[in-house]
Amino acid sequence: MAISKEQKKELVAQYEEALRSSEAVIFTEYRGLTTPELGKLRAAVREADGAYSVVKLTLFGRALENAGVPVPEGVLSGPVAVGFCHRDVPAVAKAIRNFGKEHELLTVTGAVMGNRVLSVAEVEAIADLPPVEVIRARLIGLIGGPARNLASTIAAGVRQVVNVLNAYSESEGGAQAASAEA
């Protein structure tokens, strides 16, 4: 079914908007997957805060060029679907990779992150990264650790001075000094 020029313009604009709102896009070939299987993949990607769409090749290529995103060689041929990573790139990459392990008909063909074209191996490496929340927690732990150590070191020094003063005041020397002041 042919689509009108106006519909093509709208579709290119939608693709451009999706590209601009994505931190990365992951290209896949889905030849042979059924509609229910694609629905499960879309749901898995949506849970990872992404979107997964089958794209019209010529129009998506035009949207890539209009958005200033490099066009990877060889990925815009055959049945192509794109995973749009809205926030957490590793989570979307992991969702696509895990689905691909269960359904061999889905293959990752490449990706673009920022202005850099990524290979399949680089997408796999990104999928192995921990989620953003885990990375943030580790970073906070790294930053907070030295501050905690410094605070406990200072507190230990103050505690030692207090203990020495307390011991002195309880000893005979402290008692004599107190009676001399009186």
N, C-alpha and C. Protein backbone atom coordinates (compact mmCIF):
# COMPACT_ATOMS: atom_id res chain seq x y z
N MET A 1 0.84 -1.17 0.00
CA MET A 1 0.00 0.00 0.00
C MET A 1 0.90 1.24 0.00
N ALA A 2 0.74 2.07 -0.99
CA ALA A 2 1.55 3.28 -1.14
C ALA A 2 1.06 4.34 -0.17
N ILE A 3 2.00 5.14 0.30
CA ILE A 3 1.63 6.23 1.19
C ILE A 3 1.89 7.55 0.47
N SER A 4 1.12 8.55 0.84
CA SER A 4 1.20 9.84 0.17
C SER A 4 2.47 10.59 0.58
N LYS A 5 2.78 11.65 -0.18
CA LYS A 5 3.94 12.49 0.14
C LYS A 5 3.81 13.10 1.53
N GLU A 6 2.60 13.51 1.85
CA GLU A 6 2.37 14.13 3.16
C GLU A 6 2.61 13.12 4.28
N GLN A 7 2.15 11.90 4.10
CA GLN A 7 2.37 10.86 5.10
C GLN A 7 3.87 10.56 5.23
N LYS A 8 4.58 10.59 4.11
CA LYS A 8 6.03 10.35 4.14
C LYS A 8 6.73 11.45 4.93
N LYS A 9 6.32 12.71 4.71
CA LYS A 9 6.91 13.83 5.45
C LYS A 9 6.66 13.69 6.95
N GLU A 10 5.43 13.29 7.30
CA GLU A 10 5.10 13.10 8.71
C GLU A 10 5.93 11.98 9.32
N LEU A 11 6.11 10.90 8.58
CA LEU A 11 6.89 9.77 9.07
C LEU A 11 8.36 10.16 9.27
N VAL A 12 8.92 10.91 8.32
CA VAL A 12 10.31 11.38 8.45
C VAL A 12 10.42 12.28 9.68
N ALA A 13 9.45 13.15 9.89
CA ALA A 13 9.46 14.04 11.06
C ALA A 13 9.39 13.23 12.36
N GLN A 14 8.58 12.19 12.38
CA GLN A 14 8.49 11.32 13.56
C GLN A 14 9.83 10.63 13.82
N TYR A 15 10.44 10.12 12.76
CA TYR A 15 11.75 9.47 12.90
C TYR A 15 12.79 10.47 13.43
N GLU A 16 12.78 11.68 12.89
CA GLU A 16 13.74 12.70 13.33
C GLU A 16 13.55 13.00 14.81
N GLU A 17 12.32 13.15 15.24
CA GLU A 17 12.03 13.43 16.65
C GLU A 17 12.51 12.27 17.53
N ALA A 18 12.25 11.05 17.10
CA ALA A 18 12.71 9.88 17.86
C ALA A 18 14.23 9.84 17.94
N LEU A 19 14.90 10.21 16.86
CA LEU A 19 16.37 10.24 16.85
C LEU A 19 16.90 11.32 17.79
N ARG A 20 16.28 12.46 17.79
CA ARG A 20 16.74 13.57 18.64
C ARG A 20 16.53 13.27 20.12
N SER A 21 15.49 12.52 20.44
CA SER A 21 15.20 12.22 21.85
C SER A 21 15.90 10.96 22.34
N SER A 22 16.72 10.35 21.49
CA SER A 22 17.41 9.12 21.86
C SER A 22 18.89 9.36 22.09
N GLU A 23 19.43 8.67 23.09
CA GLU A 23 20.87 8.72 23.32
C GLU A 23 21.60 7.82 22.35
N ALA A 24 20.91 6.79 21.88
CA ALA A 24 21.50 5.86 20.91
C ALA A 24 20.37 5.16 20.16
N VAL A 25 20.72 4.62 19.00
CA VAL A 25 19.78 3.79 18.24
C VAL A 25 20.50 2.50 17.88
N ILE A 26 19.79 1.39 18.03
CA ILE A 26 20.35 0.07 17.75
C ILE A 26 19.60 -0.52 16.57
N PHE A 27 20.35 -0.88 15.53
CA PHE A 27 19.76 -1.43 14.32
C PHE A 27 19.71 -2.95 14.41
N THR A 28 18.56 -3.50 14.01
CA THR A 28 18.40 -4.96 14.03
C THR A 28 17.75 -5.43 12.74
N GLU A 29 18.01 -6.69 12.44
CA GLU A 29 17.29 -7.35 11.35
C GLU A 29 16.37 -8.36 12.01
N TYR A 30 15.11 -8.33 11.64
CA TYR A 30 14.11 -9.15 12.32
C TYR A 30 13.45 -10.16 11.39
N ARG A 31 14.04 -10.43 10.24
CA ARG A 31 13.44 -11.29 9.23
C ARG A 31 12.99 -12.63 9.83
N GLY A 32 11.71 -12.93 9.70
CA GLY A 32 11.17 -14.21 10.14
C GLY A 32 10.47 -14.17 11.49
N LEU A 33 10.59 -13.07 12.23
CA LEU A 33 9.88 -12.98 13.50
C LEU A 33 8.39 -12.74 13.26
N THR A 34 7.58 -13.33 14.09
CA THR A 34 6.14 -13.16 13.97
C THR A 34 5.71 -11.86 14.65
N THR A 35 4.51 -11.43 14.37
CA THR A 35 3.98 -10.21 14.98
C THR A 35 3.91 -10.34 16.50
N PRO A 36 3.44 -11.47 17.06
CA PRO A 36 3.44 -11.59 18.54
C PRO A 36 4.85 -11.53 19.12
N GLU A 37 5.84 -12.10 18.43
CA GLU A 37 7.22 -12.04 18.91
C GLU A 37 7.74 -10.60 18.90
N LEU A 38 7.42 -9.88 17.83
CA LEU A 38 7.81 -8.46 17.78
C LEU A 38 7.12 -7.67 18.90
N GLY A 39 5.90 -8.04 19.22
CA GLY A 39 5.19 -7.39 20.32
C GLY A 39 5.89 -7.63 21.65
N LYS A 40 6.37 -8.85 21.87
CA LYS A 40 7.11 -9.16 23.11
C LYS A 40 8.41 -8.36 23.16
N LEU A 41 9.09 -8.24 22.02
CA LEU A 41 10.33 -7.47 21.96
C LEU A 41 10.05 -6.00 22.26
N ARG A 42 8.99 -5.46 21.67
CA ARG A 42 8.63 -4.06 21.93
C ARG A 42 8.37 -3.84 23.42
N ALA A 43 7.67 -4.79 24.04
CA ALA A 43 7.37 -4.67 25.48
C ALA A 43 8.65 -4.71 26.31
N ALA A 44 9.57 -5.59 25.96
CA ALA A 44 10.84 -5.69 26.70
C ALA A 44 11.65 -4.40 26.57
N VAL A 45 11.68 -3.84 25.37
CA VAL A 45 12.42 -2.59 25.15
C VAL A 45 11.72 -1.44 25.86
N ARG A 46 10.40 -1.43 25.86
CA ARG A 46 9.64 -0.37 26.54
C ARG A 46 9.92 -0.41 28.04
N GLU A 47 10.03 -1.61 28.62
CA GLU A 47 10.36 -1.75 30.05
C GLU A 47 11.74 -1.17 30.35
N ALA A 48 12.63 -1.20 29.36
CA ALA A 48 13.99 -0.66 29.53
C ALA A 48 14.04 0.82 29.19
N ASP A 49 12.90 1.46 29.09
CA ASP A 49 12.77 2.88 28.76
C ASP A 49 13.29 3.19 27.35
N GLY A 50 12.82 2.38 26.41
CA GLY A 50 13.17 2.60 25.02
C GLY A 50 11.95 2.38 24.15
N ALA A 51 12.18 2.36 22.86
CA ALA A 51 11.11 2.09 21.90
C ALA A 51 11.72 1.24 20.79
N TYR A 52 10.90 0.40 20.19
CA TYR A 52 11.36 -0.48 19.12
C TYR A 52 10.39 -0.37 17.97
N SER A 53 10.89 0.01 16.78
CA SER A 53 10.03 0.22 15.63
C SER A 53 10.62 -0.38 14.38
N VAL A 54 9.73 -0.95 13.58
CA VAL A 54 10.10 -1.32 12.21
C VAL A 54 10.06 -0.03 11.41
N VAL A 55 11.11 0.22 10.61
CA VAL A 55 11.19 1.49 9.89
C VAL A 55 11.17 1.27 8.39
N LYS A 56 10.74 2.31 7.68
CA LYS A 56 10.82 2.32 6.22
C LYS A 56 12.22 2.83 5.89
N LEU A 57 12.99 2.01 5.18
CA LEU A 57 14.42 2.26 4.99
C LEU A 57 14.75 3.61 4.38
N THR A 58 14.14 3.94 3.26
CA THR A 58 14.46 5.19 2.58
C THR A 58 14.12 6.39 3.45
N LEU A 59 12.95 6.34 4.08
CA LEU A 59 12.51 7.46 4.91
C LEU A 59 13.37 7.57 6.18
N PHE A 60 13.75 6.45 6.75
CA PHE A 60 14.58 6.49 7.95
C PHE A 60 15.99 6.99 7.60
N GLY A 61 16.50 6.59 6.44
CA GLY A 61 17.79 7.11 5.98
C GLY A 61 17.75 8.62 5.83
N ARG A 62 16.66 9.13 5.28
CA ARG A 62 16.49 10.58 5.13
C ARG A 62 16.43 11.25 6.51
N ALA A 63 15.73 10.63 7.45
CA ALA A 63 15.63 11.19 8.81
C ALA A 63 17.00 11.20 9.49
N LEU A 64 17.80 10.16 9.28
CA LEU A 64 19.15 10.13 9.85
C LEU A 64 19.97 11.31 9.32
N GLU A 65 19.90 11.53 8.02
CA GLU A 65 20.65 12.63 7.41
C GLU A 65 20.14 13.98 7.92
N ASN A 66 18.82 14.16 7.99
CA ASN A 66 18.24 15.42 8.46
C ASN A 66 18.61 15.71 9.92
N ALA A 67 18.70 14.66 10.73
CA ALA A 67 19.01 14.83 12.14
C ALA A 67 20.51 14.94 12.39
N GLY A 68 21.31 14.78 11.34
CA GLY A 68 22.76 14.88 11.49
C GLY A 68 23.38 13.65 12.13
N VAL A 69 22.69 12.53 12.06
CA VAL A 69 23.19 11.28 12.63
C VAL A 69 23.90 10.51 11.51
N PRO A 70 25.11 10.01 11.79
CA PRO A 70 25.80 9.26 10.73
C PRO A 70 25.02 8.02 10.33
N VAL A 71 25.07 7.71 9.05
CA VAL A 71 24.37 6.55 8.52
C VAL A 71 25.37 5.39 8.44
N PRO A 72 25.20 4.37 9.27
CA PRO A 72 26.12 3.24 9.24
C PRO A 72 26.00 2.48 7.92
N GLU A 73 27.14 2.01 7.44
CA GLU A 73 27.14 1.27 6.18
C GLU A 73 26.50 -0.10 6.36
N GLY A 74 25.66 -0.47 5.42
CA GLY A 74 25.11 -1.81 5.36
C GLY A 74 23.97 -2.14 6.30
N VAL A 75 23.57 -1.22 7.17
CA VAL A 75 22.49 -1.56 8.10
C VAL A 75 21.11 -1.20 7.56
N LEU A 76 21.06 -0.40 6.52
CA LEU A 76 19.76 -0.01 5.98
C LEU A 76 19.41 -0.82 4.74
N SER A 77 19.45 -2.13 4.92
CA SER A 77 19.02 -3.03 3.83
C SER A 77 18.29 -4.20 4.45
N GLY A 78 17.32 -4.71 3.74
CA GLY A 78 16.51 -5.80 4.28
C GLY A 78 15.49 -5.27 5.27
N PRO A 79 14.83 -6.16 5.99
CA PRO A 79 13.87 -5.71 7.00
C PRO A 79 14.62 -5.19 8.22
N VAL A 80 14.49 -3.89 8.48
CA VAL A 80 15.23 -3.25 9.56
C VAL A 80 14.25 -2.72 10.60
N ALA A 81 14.61 -2.94 11.85
CA ALA A 81 13.88 -2.35 12.96
C ALA A 81 14.92 -1.67 13.85
N VAL A 82 14.49 -0.64 14.54
CA VAL A 82 15.41 0.18 15.32
C VAL A 82 14.96 0.23 16.77
N GLY A 83 15.93 0.05 17.67
CA GLY A 83 15.69 0.23 19.09
C GLY A 83 16.16 1.63 19.47
N PHE A 84 15.25 2.46 19.94
CA PHE A 84 15.58 3.82 20.36
C PHE A 84 15.82 3.79 21.87
N CYS A 85 16.98 4.26 22.29
CA CYS A 85 17.37 4.27 23.70
C CYS A 85 17.13 5.66 24.26
N HIS A 86 16.07 5.82 25.04
CA HIS A 86 15.73 7.14 25.54
C HIS A 86 16.65 7.60 26.66
N ARG A 87 16.96 6.75 27.63
CA ARG A 87 17.82 7.14 28.74
C ARG A 87 18.93 6.14 28.99
N ASP A 88 18.56 4.91 29.25
CA ASP A 88 19.50 3.89 29.69
C ASP A 88 19.89 3.00 28.52
N VAL A 89 20.96 3.37 27.82
CA VAL A 89 21.40 2.63 26.64
C VAL A 89 21.71 1.17 26.97
N PRO A 90 22.46 0.88 28.07
CA PRO A 90 22.75 -0.53 28.36
C PRO A 90 21.50 -1.38 28.58
N ALA A 91 20.47 -0.80 29.20
CA ALA A 91 19.25 -1.58 29.46
C ALA A 91 18.55 -1.95 28.16
N VAL A 92 18.47 -1.03 27.22
CA VAL A 92 17.82 -1.33 25.93
C VAL A 92 18.66 -2.34 25.16
N ALA A 93 19.98 -2.14 25.15
CA ALA A 93 20.86 -3.08 24.44
C ALA A 93 20.73 -4.48 25.04
N LYS A 94 20.63 -4.54 26.37
CA LYS A 94 20.49 -5.83 27.05
C LYS A 94 19.14 -6.48 26.70
N ALA A 95 18.08 -5.70 26.65
CA ALA A 95 16.76 -6.24 26.31
C ALA A 95 16.75 -6.82 24.90
N ILE A 96 17.37 -6.10 23.96
CA ILE A 96 17.43 -6.60 22.58
C ILE A 96 18.31 -7.84 22.50
N ARG A 97 19.48 -7.79 23.17
CA ARG A 97 20.37 -8.95 23.13
C ARG A 97 19.72 -10.18 23.74
N ASN A 98 19.06 -10.03 24.90
CA ASN A 98 18.42 -11.16 25.55
C ASN A 98 17.31 -11.75 24.69
N PHE A 99 16.55 -10.89 24.02
CA PHE A 99 15.51 -11.38 23.12
C PHE A 99 16.16 -12.13 21.96
N GLY A 100 17.27 -11.61 21.45
CA GLY A 100 17.98 -12.26 20.35
C GLY A 100 18.53 -13.63 20.72
N LYS A 101 18.88 -13.81 22.00
CA LYS A 101 19.35 -15.12 22.45
C LYS A 101 18.22 -16.15 22.40
N GLU A 102 17.01 -15.71 22.72
CA GLU A 102 15.85 -16.60 22.70
C GLU A 102 15.31 -16.81 21.28
N HIS A 103 15.47 -15.81 20.43
CA HIS A 103 14.94 -15.85 19.07
C HIS A 103 16.08 -15.56 18.10
N GLU A 104 16.64 -16.58 17.53
CA GLU A 104 17.82 -16.44 16.69
C GLU A 104 17.57 -15.63 15.41
N LEU A 105 16.32 -15.41 15.08
CA LEU A 105 16.00 -14.65 13.87
C LEU A 105 16.29 -13.16 14.04
N LEU A 106 16.41 -12.70 15.27
CA LEU A 106 16.72 -11.29 15.53
C LEU A 106 18.23 -11.15 15.64
N THR A 107 18.80 -10.26 14.83
CA THR A 107 20.24 -10.02 14.90
C THR A 107 20.50 -8.52 14.95
N VAL A 108 21.42 -8.14 15.80
CA VAL A 108 21.86 -6.75 15.88
C VAL A 108 22.84 -6.52 14.74
N THR A 109 22.65 -5.43 14.00
CA THR A 109 23.53 -5.16 12.85
C THR A 109 24.42 -3.95 13.07
N GLY A 110 24.19 -3.20 14.15
CA GLY A 110 25.01 -2.03 14.45
C GLY A 110 24.23 -1.04 15.28
N ALA A 111 24.87 0.09 15.55
CA ALA A 111 24.23 1.12 16.36
C ALA A 111 24.91 2.46 16.12
N VAL A 112 24.24 3.50 16.55
CA VAL A 112 24.81 4.84 16.55
C VAL A 112 24.55 5.44 17.92
N MET A 113 25.63 5.94 18.56
CA MET A 113 25.49 6.61 19.84
C MET A 113 26.18 7.97 19.70
N GLY A 114 25.39 9.02 19.87
CA GLY A 114 25.92 10.36 19.60
C GLY A 114 26.20 10.47 18.11
N ASN A 115 27.43 10.78 17.77
CA ASN A 115 27.83 10.84 16.35
C ASN A 115 28.78 9.70 16.01
N ARG A 116 28.77 8.65 16.81
CA ARG A 116 29.69 7.54 16.61
C ARG A 116 28.94 6.29 16.20
N VAL A 117 29.40 5.68 15.12
CA VAL A 117 28.84 4.41 14.66
C VAL A 117 29.47 3.29 15.48
N LEU A 118 28.64 2.39 16.01
CA LEU A 118 29.12 1.29 16.84
C LEU A 118 28.98 -0.03 16.10
N SER A 119 29.93 -0.91 16.33
CA SER A 119 29.88 -2.25 15.75
C SER A 119 29.00 -3.15 16.61
N VAL A 120 28.74 -4.33 16.11
CA VAL A 120 27.94 -5.31 16.86
C VAL A 120 28.65 -5.65 18.17
N ALA A 121 29.98 -5.81 18.12
CA ALA A 121 30.74 -6.14 19.33
C ALA A 121 30.64 -5.02 20.37
N GLU A 122 30.63 -3.79 19.94
CA GLU A 122 30.49 -2.66 20.86
C GLU A 122 29.10 -2.62 21.49
N VAL A 123 28.09 -2.99 20.71
CA VAL A 123 26.73 -3.06 21.26
C VAL A 123 26.67 -4.16 22.32
N GLU A 124 27.32 -5.29 22.06
CA GLU A 124 27.38 -6.38 23.05
C GLU A 124 28.07 -5.91 24.33
N ALA A 125 29.16 -5.16 24.18
CA ALA A 125 29.87 -4.65 25.35
C ALA A 125 29.00 -3.69 26.15
N ILE A 126 28.23 -2.87 25.47
CA ILE A 126 27.32 -1.95 26.16
C ILE A 126 26.24 -2.73 26.90
N ALA A 127 25.75 -3.81 26.29
CA ALA A 127 24.72 -4.63 26.93
C ALA A 127 25.24 -5.29 28.21
N ASP A 128 26.55 -5.47 28.32
CA ASP A 128 27.13 -6.08 29.52
C ASP A 128 27.31 -5.08 30.66
N LEU A 129 27.15 -3.78 30.39
CA LEU A 129 27.31 -2.77 31.43
C LEU A 129 26.16 -2.88 32.44
N PRO A 130 26.44 -2.52 33.71
CA PRO A 130 25.35 -2.52 34.69
C PRO A 130 24.39 -1.37 34.43
N PRO A 131 23.18 -1.44 34.99
CA PRO A 131 22.21 -0.35 34.82
C PRO A 131 22.73 0.96 35.40
N VAL A 132 22.17 2.06 34.95
CA VAL A 132 22.59 3.40 35.36
C VAL A 132 22.49 3.56 36.88
N GLU A 133 21.44 3.03 37.51
CA GLU A 133 21.27 3.17 38.95
C GLU A 133 22.43 2.52 39.70
N VAL A 134 22.89 1.38 39.23
CA VAL A 134 24.01 0.69 39.88
C VAL A 134 25.29 1.50 39.72
N ILE A 135 25.50 2.05 38.54
CA ILE A 135 26.70 2.88 38.30
C ILE A 135 26.66 4.11 39.21
N ARG A 136 25.50 4.75 39.33
CA ARG A 136 25.37 5.92 40.21
C ARG A 136 25.67 5.55 41.66
N ALA A 137 25.13 4.42 42.12
CA ALA A 137 25.36 3.99 43.50
C ALA A 137 26.85 3.73 43.74
N ARG A 138 27.51 3.10 42.79
CA ARG A 138 28.95 2.85 42.92
C ARG A 138 29.72 4.17 42.97
N LEU A 139 29.34 5.11 42.13
CA LEU A 139 30.01 6.40 42.10
C LEU A 139 29.84 7.14 43.43
N ILE A 140 28.63 7.12 43.96
CA ILE A 140 28.37 7.77 45.25
C ILE A 140 29.20 7.09 46.34
N GLY A 141 29.30 5.77 46.28
CA GLY A 141 30.13 5.05 47.25
C GLY A 141 31.59 5.43 47.15
N LEU A 142 32.07 5.60 45.92
CA LEU A 142 33.46 6.01 45.73
C LEU A 142 33.71 7.42 46.25
N ILE A 143 32.77 8.30 46.04
CA ILE A 143 32.92 9.68 46.49
C ILE A 143 32.74 9.77 48.01
N GLY A 144 31.77 9.05 48.55
CA GLY A 144 31.46 9.11 49.97
C GLY A 144 32.48 8.40 50.85
N GLY A 145 33.16 7.40 50.32
CA GLY A 145 34.11 6.62 51.11
C GLY A 145 35.22 7.46 51.72
N PRO A 146 35.95 8.24 50.95
CA PRO A 146 37.01 9.08 51.54
C PRO A 146 36.48 10.09 52.55
N ALA A 147 35.30 10.64 52.30
CA ALA A 147 34.73 11.61 53.24
C ALA A 147 34.41 10.92 54.57
N ARG A 148 33.88 9.71 54.52
CA ARG A 148 33.60 8.96 55.75
C ARG A 148 34.90 8.65 56.50
N ASN A 149 35.93 8.25 55.74
CA ASN A 149 37.22 7.94 56.37
C ASN A 149 37.80 9.17 57.05
N LEU A 150 37.73 10.33 56.40
CA LEU A 150 38.25 11.56 56.98
C LEU A 150 37.49 11.91 58.26
N ALA A 151 36.18 11.82 58.21
CA ALA A 151 35.36 12.14 59.38
C ALA A 151 35.67 11.20 60.53
N SER A 152 35.83 9.91 60.26
CA SER A 152 36.12 8.97 61.36
C SER A 152 37.52 9.18 61.90
N THR A 153 38.49 9.59 61.07
CA THR A 153 39.84 9.87 61.54
C THR A 153 39.84 11.09 62.46
N ILE A 154 39.13 12.14 62.07
CA ILE A 154 39.04 13.34 62.91
C ILE A 154 38.33 13.00 64.22
N ALA A 155 37.25 12.25 64.14
CA ALA A 155 36.50 11.87 65.34
C ALA A 155 37.37 11.03 66.27
N ALA A 156 38.19 10.14 65.71
CA ALA A 156 39.06 9.31 66.54
C ALA A 156 40.08 10.17 67.26
N GLY A 157 40.65 11.19 66.59
CA GLY A 157 41.60 12.10 67.24
C GLY A 157 40.96 12.86 68.37
N VAL A 158 39.76 13.38 68.14
CA VAL A 158 39.03 14.12 69.18
C VAL A 158 38.71 13.19 70.34
N ARG A 159 38.31 11.97 70.04
CA ARG A 159 37.99 10.99 71.08
C ARG A 159 39.21 10.70 71.95
N GLN A 160 40.39 10.60 71.34
CA GLN A 160 41.61 10.34 72.10
C GLN A 160 41.93 11.51 73.04
N VAL A 161 41.80 12.73 72.55
CA VAL A 161 42.04 13.91 73.40
C VAL A 161 41.07 13.92 74.57
N VAL A 162 39.81 13.65 74.32
CA VAL A 162 38.79 13.62 75.38
C VAL A 162 39.12 12.53 76.39
N ASN A 163 39.53 11.38 75.90
CA ASN A 163 39.88 10.27 76.81
C ASN A 163 41.08 10.63 77.69
N VAL A 164 42.08 11.29 77.11
CA VAL A 164 43.26 11.70 77.89
C VAL A 164 42.85 12.71 78.95
N LEU A 165 42.08 13.71 78.59
CA LEU A 165 41.62 14.71 79.55
C LEU A 165 40.77 14.09 80.65
N ASN A 166 39.92 13.17 80.25
CA ASN A 166 39.06 12.49 81.21
C ASN A 166 39.90 11.66 82.17
N ALA A 167 40.86 10.94 81.65
CA ALA A 167 41.73 10.12 82.51
C ALA A 167 42.53 11.01 83.45
N TYR A 168 43.02 12.13 82.97
CA TYR A 168 43.81 13.04 83.80
C TYR A 168 42.96 13.62 84.92
N SER A 169 41.72 13.98 84.57
CA SER A 169 40.85 14.57 85.59
C SER A 169 40.47 13.57 86.65
N GLU A 170 40.41 12.29 86.31
CA GLU A 170 40.06 11.26 87.27
C GLU A 170 41.27 10.81 88.08
N SER A 171 42.45 11.09 87.62
CA SER A 171 43.66 10.69 88.34
C SER A 171 43.92 11.64 89.50
N GLU A 172 44.95 11.36 90.27
CA GLU A 172 45.29 12.20 91.42
C GLU A 172 45.74 13.57 90.99
N GLY A 173 46.47 13.64 89.86
CA GLY A 173 46.97 14.92 89.39
C GLY A 173 45.82 15.86 89.04
N GLY A 174 44.80 15.32 88.49
CA GLY A 174 43.65 16.13 88.14
C GLY A 174 42.90 16.59 89.38
N ALA A 175 42.88 15.71 90.42
CA ALA A 175 42.19 16.06 91.66
C ALA A 175 42.95 17.14 92.40
N GLN A 176 44.31 17.10 92.38
CA GLN A 176 45.10 18.12 93.06
C GLN A 176 44.94 19.47 92.36
N ALA A 177 44.91 19.45 91.02
CA ALA A 177 44.74 20.69 90.28
C ALA A 177 43.38 21.32 90.57
N ALA A 178 42.37 20.50 90.76
CA ALA A 178 41.03 20.99 91.05
C ALA A 178 40.98 21.59 92.45
N SER A 179 41.64 20.98 93.44
CA SER A 179 41.62 21.51 94.80
C SER A 179 42.45 22.78 94.91
N ALA A 180 43.51 22.92 94.08
CA ALA A 180 44.34 24.13 94.09
C ALA A 180 43.56 25.31 93.51
N GLU A 181 42.73 25.07 92.56
CA GLU A 181 41.93 26.14 91.96
C GLU A 181 40.88 26.64 92.95
N ALA A 182 40.41 25.76 93.81
CA ALA A 182 39.34 26.13 94.73
C ALA A 182 39.90 26.89 95.85
